[in-house]
C-alpha atoms as a PDB file:
ATOM      1  CA  MET A   1       7.779  19.683 -16.597  1.00  0.00           C
ATOM      2  CA  GLY A   2       4.128  20.745 -16.399  1.00  0.00           C
ATOM      3  CA  VAL A   3       1.810  19.490 -13.696  1.00  0.00           C
ATOM      4  CA  PHE A   4      -0.225  17.557 -16.266  1.00  0.00           C
ATOM      5  CA  GLN A   5       2.892  15.631 -17.301  1.00  0.00           C
ATOM      6  CA  LYS A   6       3.778  14.939 -13.663  1.00  0.00           C
ATOM      7  CA  ILE A   7       0.330  13.527 -12.980  1.00  0.00           C
ATOM      8  CA  ALA A   8       0.489  11.467 -16.172  1.00  0.00           C
ATOM      9  CA  GLN A   9       3.790   9.961 -15.005  1.00  0.00           C
ATOM     10  CA  LEU A  10       2.308   9.094 -11.639  1.00  0.00           C
ATOM     11  CA  LEU A  11      -0.672   7.439 -13.310  1.00  0.00           C
ATOM     12  CA  LYS A  12       1.553   5.514 -15.732  1.00  0.00           C
ATOM     13  CA  ALA A  13       3.805   4.254 -12.929  1.00  0.00           C
ATOM     14  CA  ASN A  14       4.018   0.490 -12.591  1.00  0.00           C
ATOM     15  CA  ILE A  15       2.049   0.241  -9.364  1.00  0.00           C
ATOM     16  CA  ASN A  16       2.650  -3.495  -8.940  1.00  0.00           C
ATOM     17  CA  ASP A  17       6.404  -3.010  -9.281  1.00  0.00           C
ATOM     18  CA  LEU A  18       6.323  -0.170  -6.754  1.00  0.00           C
ATOM     19  CA  ILE A  19       4.369  -2.332  -4.306  1.00  0.00           C
ATOM     20  CA  GLU A  20       6.949  -5.133  -4.552  1.00  0.00           C
ATOM     21  CA  LYS A  21       9.794  -2.703  -3.816  1.00  0.00           C
ATOM     22  CA  ALA A  22       8.012  -0.776  -1.062  1.00  0.00           C
ATOM     23  CA  ALA A  23       8.524  -1.708   2.573  1.00  0.00           C
ATOM     24  CA  ASP A  24       5.003  -0.514   3.331  1.00  0.00           C
ATOM     25  CA  PRO A  25       2.750  -0.776   0.214  1.00  0.00           C
ATOM     26  CA  GLU A  26      -0.206   0.885   1.936  1.00  0.00           C
ATOM     27  CA  LYS A  27       1.902   3.892   2.926  1.00  0.00           C
ATOM     28  CA  MET A  28       3.395   4.049  -0.566  1.00  0.00           C
ATOM     29  CA  LEU A  29      -0.022   4.005  -2.274  1.00  0.00           C
ATOM     30  CA  ASN A  30      -1.372   6.669   0.053  1.00  0.00           C
ATOM     31  CA  GLN A  31       1.656   8.814  -0.754  1.00  0.00           C
ATOM     32  CA  LEU A  32       1.101   8.328  -4.493  1.00  0.00           C
ATOM     33  CA  ILE A  33      -2.528   9.393  -4.194  1.00  0.00           C
ATOM     34  CA  GLU A  34      -1.468  12.402  -2.137  1.00  0.00           C
ATOM     35  CA  ASP A  35       1.126  13.361  -4.778  1.00  0.00           C
ATOM     36  CA  MET A  36      -1.498  13.041  -7.512  1.00  0.00           C
ATOM     37  CA  GLU A  37      -3.912  15.263  -5.627  1.00  0.00           C
ATOM     38  CA  ASP A  38      -1.197  17.870  -5.015  1.00  0.00           C
ATOM     39  CA  GLN A  39      -0.340  17.964  -8.710  1.00  0.00           C
ATOM     40  CA  LEU A  40      -4.021  18.025  -9.602  1.00  0.00           C
ATOM     41  CA  GLN A  41      -4.532  21.079  -7.407  1.00  0.00           C
ATOM     42  CA  LYS A  42      -1.687  22.820  -9.233  1.00  0.00           C
ATOM     43  CA  ALA A  43      -3.270  21.829 -12.550  1.00  0.00           C
ATOM     44  CA  ARG A  44      -6.561  23.388 -11.447  1.00  0.00           C
ATOM     45  CA  VAL A  45      -4.694  26.628 -10.716  1.00  0.00           C
ATOM     46  CA  GLU A  46      -3.123  26.561 -14.192  1.00  0.00           C
ATOM     47  CA  VAL A  47      -6.497  25.987 -15.836  1.00  0.00           C
ATOM     48  CA  ALA A  48      -8.027  28.791 -13.766  1.00  0.00           C
ATOM     49  CA  ASN A  49      -5.227  31.156 -14.842  1.00  0.00           C
ATOM     50  CA  ALA A  50      -5.681  30.179 -18.483  1.00  0.00           C
ATOM     51  CA  LEU A  51      -9.419  30.772 -18.175  1.00  0.00           C
ATOM     52  CA  ALA A  52      -8.759  34.178 -16.622  1.00  0.00           C
ATOM     53  CA  ASP A  53      -6.490  35.064 -19.575  1.00  0.00           C
ATOM     54  CA  GLU A  54      -9.258  33.976 -21.935  1.00  0.00           C
ATOM     55  CA  LYS A  55     -11.732  36.297 -20.242  1.00  0.00           C
ATOM     56  CA  ILE A  56      -9.257  39.197 -20.413  1.00  0.00           C
ATOM     57  CA  LEU A  57      -8.815  38.654 -24.173  1.00  0.00           C
ATOM     58  CA  GLN A  58     -12.581  38.486 -24.617  1.00  0.00           C
ATOM     59  CA  LYS A  59     -12.912  41.745 -22.759  1.00  0.00           C
ATOM     60  CA  LYS A  60     -10.243  43.327 -24.998  1.00  0.00           C
ATOM     61  CA  VAL A  61     -12.172  42.240 -28.082  1.00  0.00           C
ATOM     62  CA  GLU A  62     -15.338  43.842 -26.761  1.00  0.00           C
ATOM     63  CA  GLU A  63     -13.524  47.047 -25.713  1.00  0.00           C
ATOM     64  CA  ASN A  64     -11.905  47.520 -29.145  1.00  0.00           C
ATOM     65  CA  LYS A  65     -15.129  46.763 -30.976  1.00  0.00           C
ATOM     66  CA  LYS A  66     -16.910  49.298 -28.823  1.00  0.00           C
ATOM     67  CA  ALA A  67     -14.169  51.890 -29.493  1.00  0.00           C
ATOM     68  CA  ALA A  68     -14.445  51.247 -33.252  1.00  0.00           C
ATOM     69  CA  GLU A  69     -18.208  51.803 -33.060  1.00  0.00           C
ATOM     70  CA  GLU A  70     -17.680  55.072 -31.194  1.00  0.00           C
ATOM     71  CA  TRP A  71     -15.225  56.334 -33.826  1.00  0.00           C
ATOM     72  CA  GLN A  72     -17.696  55.314 -36.513  1.00  0.00           C
ATOM     73  CA  LYS A  73     -20.298  57.547 -34.867  1.00  0.00           C
ATOM     74  CA  LYS A  74     -17.766  60.384 -34.627  1.00  0.00           C
ATOM     75  CA  ALA A  75     -16.977  60.029 -38.321  1.00  0.00           C
ATOM     76  CA  GLU A  76     -20.682  60.176 -39.116  1.00  0.00           C
ATOM     77  CA  LEU A  77     -21.020  63.280 -36.936  1.00  0.00           C
ATOM     78  CA  ALA A  78     -18.073  64.971 -38.690  1.00  0.00           C
ATOM     79  CA  VAL A  79     -19.569  64.216 -42.086  1.00  0.00           C
ATOM     80  CA  SER A  80     -22.924  65.657 -41.012  1.00  0.00           C
ATOM     81  CA  LYS A  81     -21.121  68.813 -39.942  1.00  0.00           C
ATOM     82  CA  GLY A  82     -19.117  69.046 -43.151  1.00  0.00           C
ATOM     83  CA  GLU A  83     -15.845  68.303 -41.336  1.00  0.00           C
ATOM     84  CA  ASP A  84     -14.277  65.908 -43.806  1.00  0.00           C
ATOM     85  CA  GLU A  85     -10.797  66.028 -42.264  1.00  0.00           C
ATOM     86  CA  LEU A  86     -12.194  65.084 -38.874  1.00  0.00           C
ATOM     87  CA  ALA A  87     -14.280  62.389 -40.527  1.00  0.00           C
ATOM     88  CA  VAL A  88     -11.162  60.928 -42.196  1.00  0.00           C
ATOM     89  CA  GLU A  89      -9.246  60.925 -38.892  1.00  0.00           C
ATOM     90  CA  ALA A  90     -12.194  59.315 -37.116  1.00  0.00           C
ATOM     91  CA  LEU A  91     -12.354  56.589 -39.763  1.00  0.00           C
ATOM     92  CA  ARG A  92      -8.612  55.950 -39.360  1.00  0.00           C
ATOM     93  CA  ARG A  93      -9.077  55.539 -35.623  1.00  0.00           C
ATOM     94  CA  LYS A  94     -12.027  53.258 -36.247  1.00  0.00           C
ATOM     95  CA  ARG A  95      -9.966  50.998 -38.500  1.00  0.00           C
ATOM     96  CA  GLU A  96      -7.151  50.888 -35.943  1.00  0.00           C
ATOM     97  CA  PHE A  97      -9.528  49.665 -33.237  1.00  0.00           C
ATOM     98  CA  GLU A  98     -11.125  47.205 -35.659  1.00  0.00           C
ATOM     99  CA  ARG A  99      -7.666  45.808 -36.440  1.00  0.00           C
ATOM    100  CA  LEU A 100      -6.925  45.483 -32.728  1.00  0.00           C
ATOM    101  CA  ALA A 101     -10.296  43.831 -32.173  1.00  0.00           C
ATOM    102  CA  ASP A 102      -9.506  41.300 -34.921  1.00  0.00           C
ATOM    103  CA  GLU A 103      -6.095  40.527 -33.402  1.00  0.00           C
ATOM    104  CA  TYR A 104      -7.556  40.099 -29.934  1.00  0.00           C
ATOM    105  CA  GLN A 105     -10.314  37.943 -31.433  1.00  0.00           C
ATOM    106  CA  LYS A 106      -7.752  35.580 -32.942  1.00  0.00           C
ATOM    107  CA  GLN A 107      -5.874  35.388 -29.633  1.00  0.00           C
ATOM    108  CA  TYR A 108      -9.114  34.863 -27.763  1.00  0.00           C
ATOM    109  CA  GLU A 109     -10.144  31.985 -30.052  1.00  0.00           C
ATOM    110  CA  ALA A 110      -6.741  30.304 -29.688  1.00  0.00           C
ATOM    111  CA  GLN A 111      -6.849  30.762 -25.899  1.00  0.00           C
ATOM    112  CA  HIS A 112     -10.419  29.465 -25.745  1.00  0.00           C
ATOM    113  CA  GLU A 113      -9.397  26.318 -27.642  1.00  0.00           C
ATOM    114  CA  ALA A 114      -6.423  25.801 -25.320  1.00  0.00           C
ATOM    115  CA  VAL A 115      -8.589  26.290 -22.246  1.00  0.00           C
ATOM    116  CA  GLU A 116     -11.128  23.751 -23.482  1.00  0.00           C
ATOM    117  CA  LYS A 117      -8.352  21.201 -23.969  1.00  0.00           C
ATOM    118  CA  LEU A 118      -6.991  21.947 -20.501  1.00  0.00           C
ATOM    119  CA  LYS A 119     -10.450  21.575 -18.969  1.00  0.00           C
ATOM    120  CA  SER A 120     -10.942  18.280 -20.797  1.00  0.00           C
ATOM    121  CA  GLY A 121      -7.539  17.045 -19.645  1.00  0.00           C
ATOM    122  CA  LEU A 122      -8.261  18.148 -16.108  1.00  0.00           C
ATOM    123  CA  LYS A 123     -11.546  16.227 -16.069  1.00  0.00           C
ATOM    124  CA  MET A 124      -9.813  13.124 -17.403  1.00  0.00           C
ATOM    125  CA  LEU A 125      -7.128  13.354 -14.721  1.00  0.00           C
ATOM    126  CA  GLU A 126      -9.730  13.841 -11.997  1.00  0.00           C
ATOM    127  CA  ASP A 127     -11.516  10.687 -13.196  1.00  0.00           C
ATOM    128  CA  LYS A 128      -8.273   8.696 -13.279  1.00  0.00           C
ATOM    129  CA  ILE A 129      -7.303   9.803  -9.783  1.00  0.00           C
ATOM    130  CA  GLU A 130     -10.727   8.794  -8.492  1.00  0.00           C
ATOM    131  CA  GLU A 131     -10.217   5.419 -10.154  1.00  0.00           C
ATOM    132  CA  ALA A 132      -6.781   5.155  -8.522  1.00  0.00           C
ATOM    133  CA  LYS A 133      -8.381   5.829  -5.128  1.00  0.00           C
ATOM    134  CA  ARG A 134     -10.892   3.053  -5.712  1.00  0.00           C
ATOM    135  CA  ARG A 135      -8.159   0.627  -6.784  1.00  0.00           C
ATOM    136  CA  LYS A 136      -5.928   1.484  -3.832  1.00  0.00           C
ATOM    137  CA  ASN A 137      -7.727  -0.726  -1.302  1.00  0.00           C
ATOM    138  CA  LEU A 138      -7.834  -3.623  -3.765  1.00  0.00           C
ATOM    139  CA  LEU A 139      -4.096  -3.329  -4.399  1.00  0.00           C
ATOM    140  CA  ILE A 140      -3.376  -3.220  -0.670  1.00  0.00           C
ATOM    141  CA  ALA A 141      -5.490  -6.354  -0.154  1.00  0.00           C
ATOM    142  CA  LYS A 142      -3.614  -8.125  -2.963  1.00  0.00           C
ATOM    143  CA  SER A 143      -0.286  -7.129  -1.435  1.00  0.00           C
ATOM    144  CA  LYS A 144      -1.258  -8.478   2.000  1.00  0.00           C
ATOM    145  CA  ARG A 145      -2.508 -11.725   0.451  1.00  0.00           C
ATOM    146  CA  ALA A 146       0.762 -12.122  -1.443  1.00  0.00           C
ATOM    147  CA  ASP A 147       2.763 -11.554   1.756  1.00  0.00           C
ATOM    148  CA  ALA A 148       0.685 -14.165   3.554  1.00  0.00           C
ATOM    149  CA  GLN A 149       1.213 -16.627   0.712  1.00  0.00           C
ATOM    150  CA  VAL A 150       4.985 -16.095   0.879  1.00  0.00           C
ATOM    151  CA  THR A 151       4.950 -16.729   4.630  1.00  0.00           C
ATOM    152  CA  ILE A 152       2.936 -19.923   4.188  1.00  0.00           C
ATOM    153  CA  THR A 153       5.243 -21.137   1.440  1.00  0.00           C
ATOM    154  CA  GLN A 154       8.336 -20.484   3.546  1.00  0.00           C
ATOM    155  CA  THR A 155       6.781 -22.293   6.509  1.00  0.00           C
ATOM    156  CA  MET A 156       5.846 -25.288   4.361  1.00  0.00           C
ATOM    157  CA  SER A 157       9.346 -25.428   2.890  1.00  0.00           C
ATOM    158  CA  LYS A 158      10.766 -25.645   6.409  1.00  0.00           C
ATOM    159  CA  LEU A 159       8.363 -28.459   7.260  1.00  0.00           C
ATOM    160  CA  THR A 160       9.643 -30.494   4.317  1.00  0.00           C
ATOM    161  CA  ASP A 161      13.095 -30.505   5.916  1.00  0.00           C
ATOM    162  CA  THR A 162      13.198 -33.876   7.776  1.00  0.00           C
ATOM    163  CA  SER A 163      16.269 -33.070   9.853  1.00  0.00           C
ATOM    164  CA  ALA A 164      14.166 -31.589  12.650  1.00  0.00           C
ATOM    165  CA  PHE A 165      11.899 -34.645  12.723  1.00  0.00           C
ATOM    166  CA  GLU A 166      14.865 -37.008  12.684  1.00  0.00           C
ATOM    167  CA  SER A 167      16.415 -35.183  15.609  1.00  0.00           C
ATOM    168  CA  PHE A 168      13.123 -35.409  17.471  1.00  0.00           C
ATOM    169  CA  GLU A 169      12.963 -39.182  16.916  1.00  0.00           C
ATOM    170  CA  LYS A 170      16.534 -39.607  18.152  1.00  0.00           C
ATOM    171  CA  TYR A 171      15.741 -37.736  21.350  1.00  0.00           C
ATOM    172  CA  ALA A 172      12.566 -39.764  21.781  1.00  0.00           C
ATOM    173  CA  GLN A 173      14.510 -43.035  21.463  1.00  0.00           C
ATOM    174  CA  LYS A 174      17.097 -41.852  24.000  1.00  0.00           C
ATOM    175  CA  ILE A 175      14.370 -41.007  26.474  1.00  0.00           C
ATOM    176  CA  GLU A 176      12.663 -44.380  25.954  1.00  0.00           C
ATOM    177  CA  GLN A 177      15.988 -46.204  26.430  1.00  0.00           C
ATOM    178  CA  LYS A 178      16.649 -44.229  29.601  1.00  0.00           C
ATOM    179  CA  GLU A 179      13.207 -45.123  30.892  1.00  0.00           C
ATOM    180  CA  ALA A 180      13.741 -48.815  30.069  1.00  0.00           C
ATOM    181  CA  ARG A 181      17.075 -48.872  31.936  1.00  0.00           C
ATOM    182  CA  ALA A 182      15.451 -47.288  34.977  1.00  0.00           C
ATOM    183  CA  GLN A 183      12.699 -49.895  34.936  1.00  0.00           C
ATOM    184  CA  ALA A 184      15.213 -52.747  34.551  1.00  0.00           C
ATOM    185  CA  GLN A 185      17.267 -51.449  37.480  1.00  0.00           C
ATOM    186  CA  GLU A 186      14.161 -51.229  39.600  1.00  0.00           C
ATOM    187  CA  GLU A 187      13.144 -54.795  38.672  1.00  0.00           C
ATOM    188  CA  LEU A 188      16.644 -56.127  39.519  1.00  0.00           C
ATOM    189  CA  LEU A 189      16.569 -54.314  42.835  1.00  0.00           C
ATOM    190  CA  ASN A 190      13.161 -55.749  43.639  1.00  0.00           C
ATOM    191  CA  ALA A 191      14.335 -59.236  42.647  1.00  0.00           C
ATOM    192  CA  SER A 192      17.386 -58.927  44.879  1.00  0.00           C
ATOM    193  CA  LYS A 193      15.275 -57.806  47.814  1.00  0.00           C
ATOM    194  CA  THR A 194      12.902 -60.731  47.313  1.00  0.00           C
ATOM    195  CA  LEU A 195      15.757 -63.272  47.375  1.00  0.00           C
ATOM    196  CA  GLU A 196      17.137 -61.831  50.625  1.00  0.00           C
ATOM    197  CA  ASP A 197      13.692 -61.928  52.180  1.00  0.00           C
ATOM    198  CA  ARG A 198      13.364 -65.618  51.305  1.00  0.00           C
ATOM    199  CA  PHE A 199      16.663 -66.438  52.951  1.00  0.00           C
ATOM    200  CA  LYS A 200      15.670 -64.497  56.019  1.00  0.00           C
ATOM    201  CA  GLU A 201      12.430 -66.474  56.156  1.00  0.00           C
ATOM    202  CA  LEU A 202      14.417 -69.691  55.941  1.00  0.00           C
ATOM    203  CA  GLU A 203      16.734 -68.539  58.705  1.00  0.00           C
ATOM    204  CA  ASN A 204      13.805 -67.533  60.853  1.00  0.00           C
ATOM    205  CA  SER A 205      12.111 -70.850  60.199  1.00  0.00           C
ATOM    206  CA  ASP A 206      15.212 -72.929  61.190  1.00  0.00           C
ATOM    207  CA  GLU A 207      15.722 -70.891  64.316  1.00  0.00           C
ATOM    208  CA  ASP A 208      12.173 -71.572  65.442  1.00  0.00           C
ATOM    209  CA  ILE A 209      12.642 -75.283  64.896  1.00  0.00           C
ATOM    210  CA  LEU A 210      15.916 -75.338  66.828  1.00  0.00           C
ATOM    211  CA  ASN A 211      14.292 -73.475  69.687  1.00  0.00           C
ATOM    212  CA  GLU A 212      11.426 -75.921  69.714  1.00  0.00           C
ATOM    213  CA  LEU A 213      13.888 -78.867  69.619  1.00  0.00           C
ATOM    214  CA  GLN A 214      15.805 -77.449  72.591  1.00  0.00           C
ATOM    215  CA  LYS A 215      12.614 -77.106  74.594  1.00  0.00           C
ATOM    216  CA  LEU A 216      11.632 -80.652  73.770  1.00  0.00           C
ATOM    217  CA  LYS A 217      15.033 -81.970  74.954  1.00  0.00           C
ATOM    218  CA  GLU A 218      14.763 -80.075  78.161  1.00  0.00           C
ATOM    219  CA  LYS A 219      11.332 -81.502  78.785  1.00  0.00           C
ATOM    220  CA  MET A 220      12.523 -85.035  78.251  1.00  0.00           C
ATOM    221  CA  GLY A 221      15.592 -84.540  80.407  1.00  0.00           C
ATOM    222  CA  LYS A 222      17.925 -84.933  77.554  1.00  0.00           C
END
């Protein structure tokens, strides 16, 4: 598979699906961009090699054309000197180089067309990768917002479960009942103490009277 096809696959990947499956969407997107750039660098090398081949073919065309021109001059020289056999041989060589020049020209034109397509494809891929870089931060933000929404939804779903609130109310009632019992016990204890105090007062009061009565009897000689 060529590097252009690899990059095309990366660009066609369902990014949203990958984000949902990835444990760390930000790390995954950064890795995708890095993979794209690696493949793009390889594509640049391929285009550079193709361009180098184009230049070599162009040079071959020029070399063979120049050789044909030189043999044309040699043929003209042979004719001027009356050397027809040499002139014929020179013309044969000239035609051979012209044929080679034509063949190299055809190859050069085909290579030039291929290189132009590669350069156009390379530019398109560079633009798409730049677009992917710009979209990366937006996709990461969307992913984080989606995660937050899921967390909120899960929390709200737990709040709709009344069992926790019912348990809380039961515990609250138990505590209130316990408090009420403690207060009632304290009130009964206080009431009991008050009744004892009253009897003690009565006892103290009668004792004082009896003492006073005894003193009065003694005074009166009784």
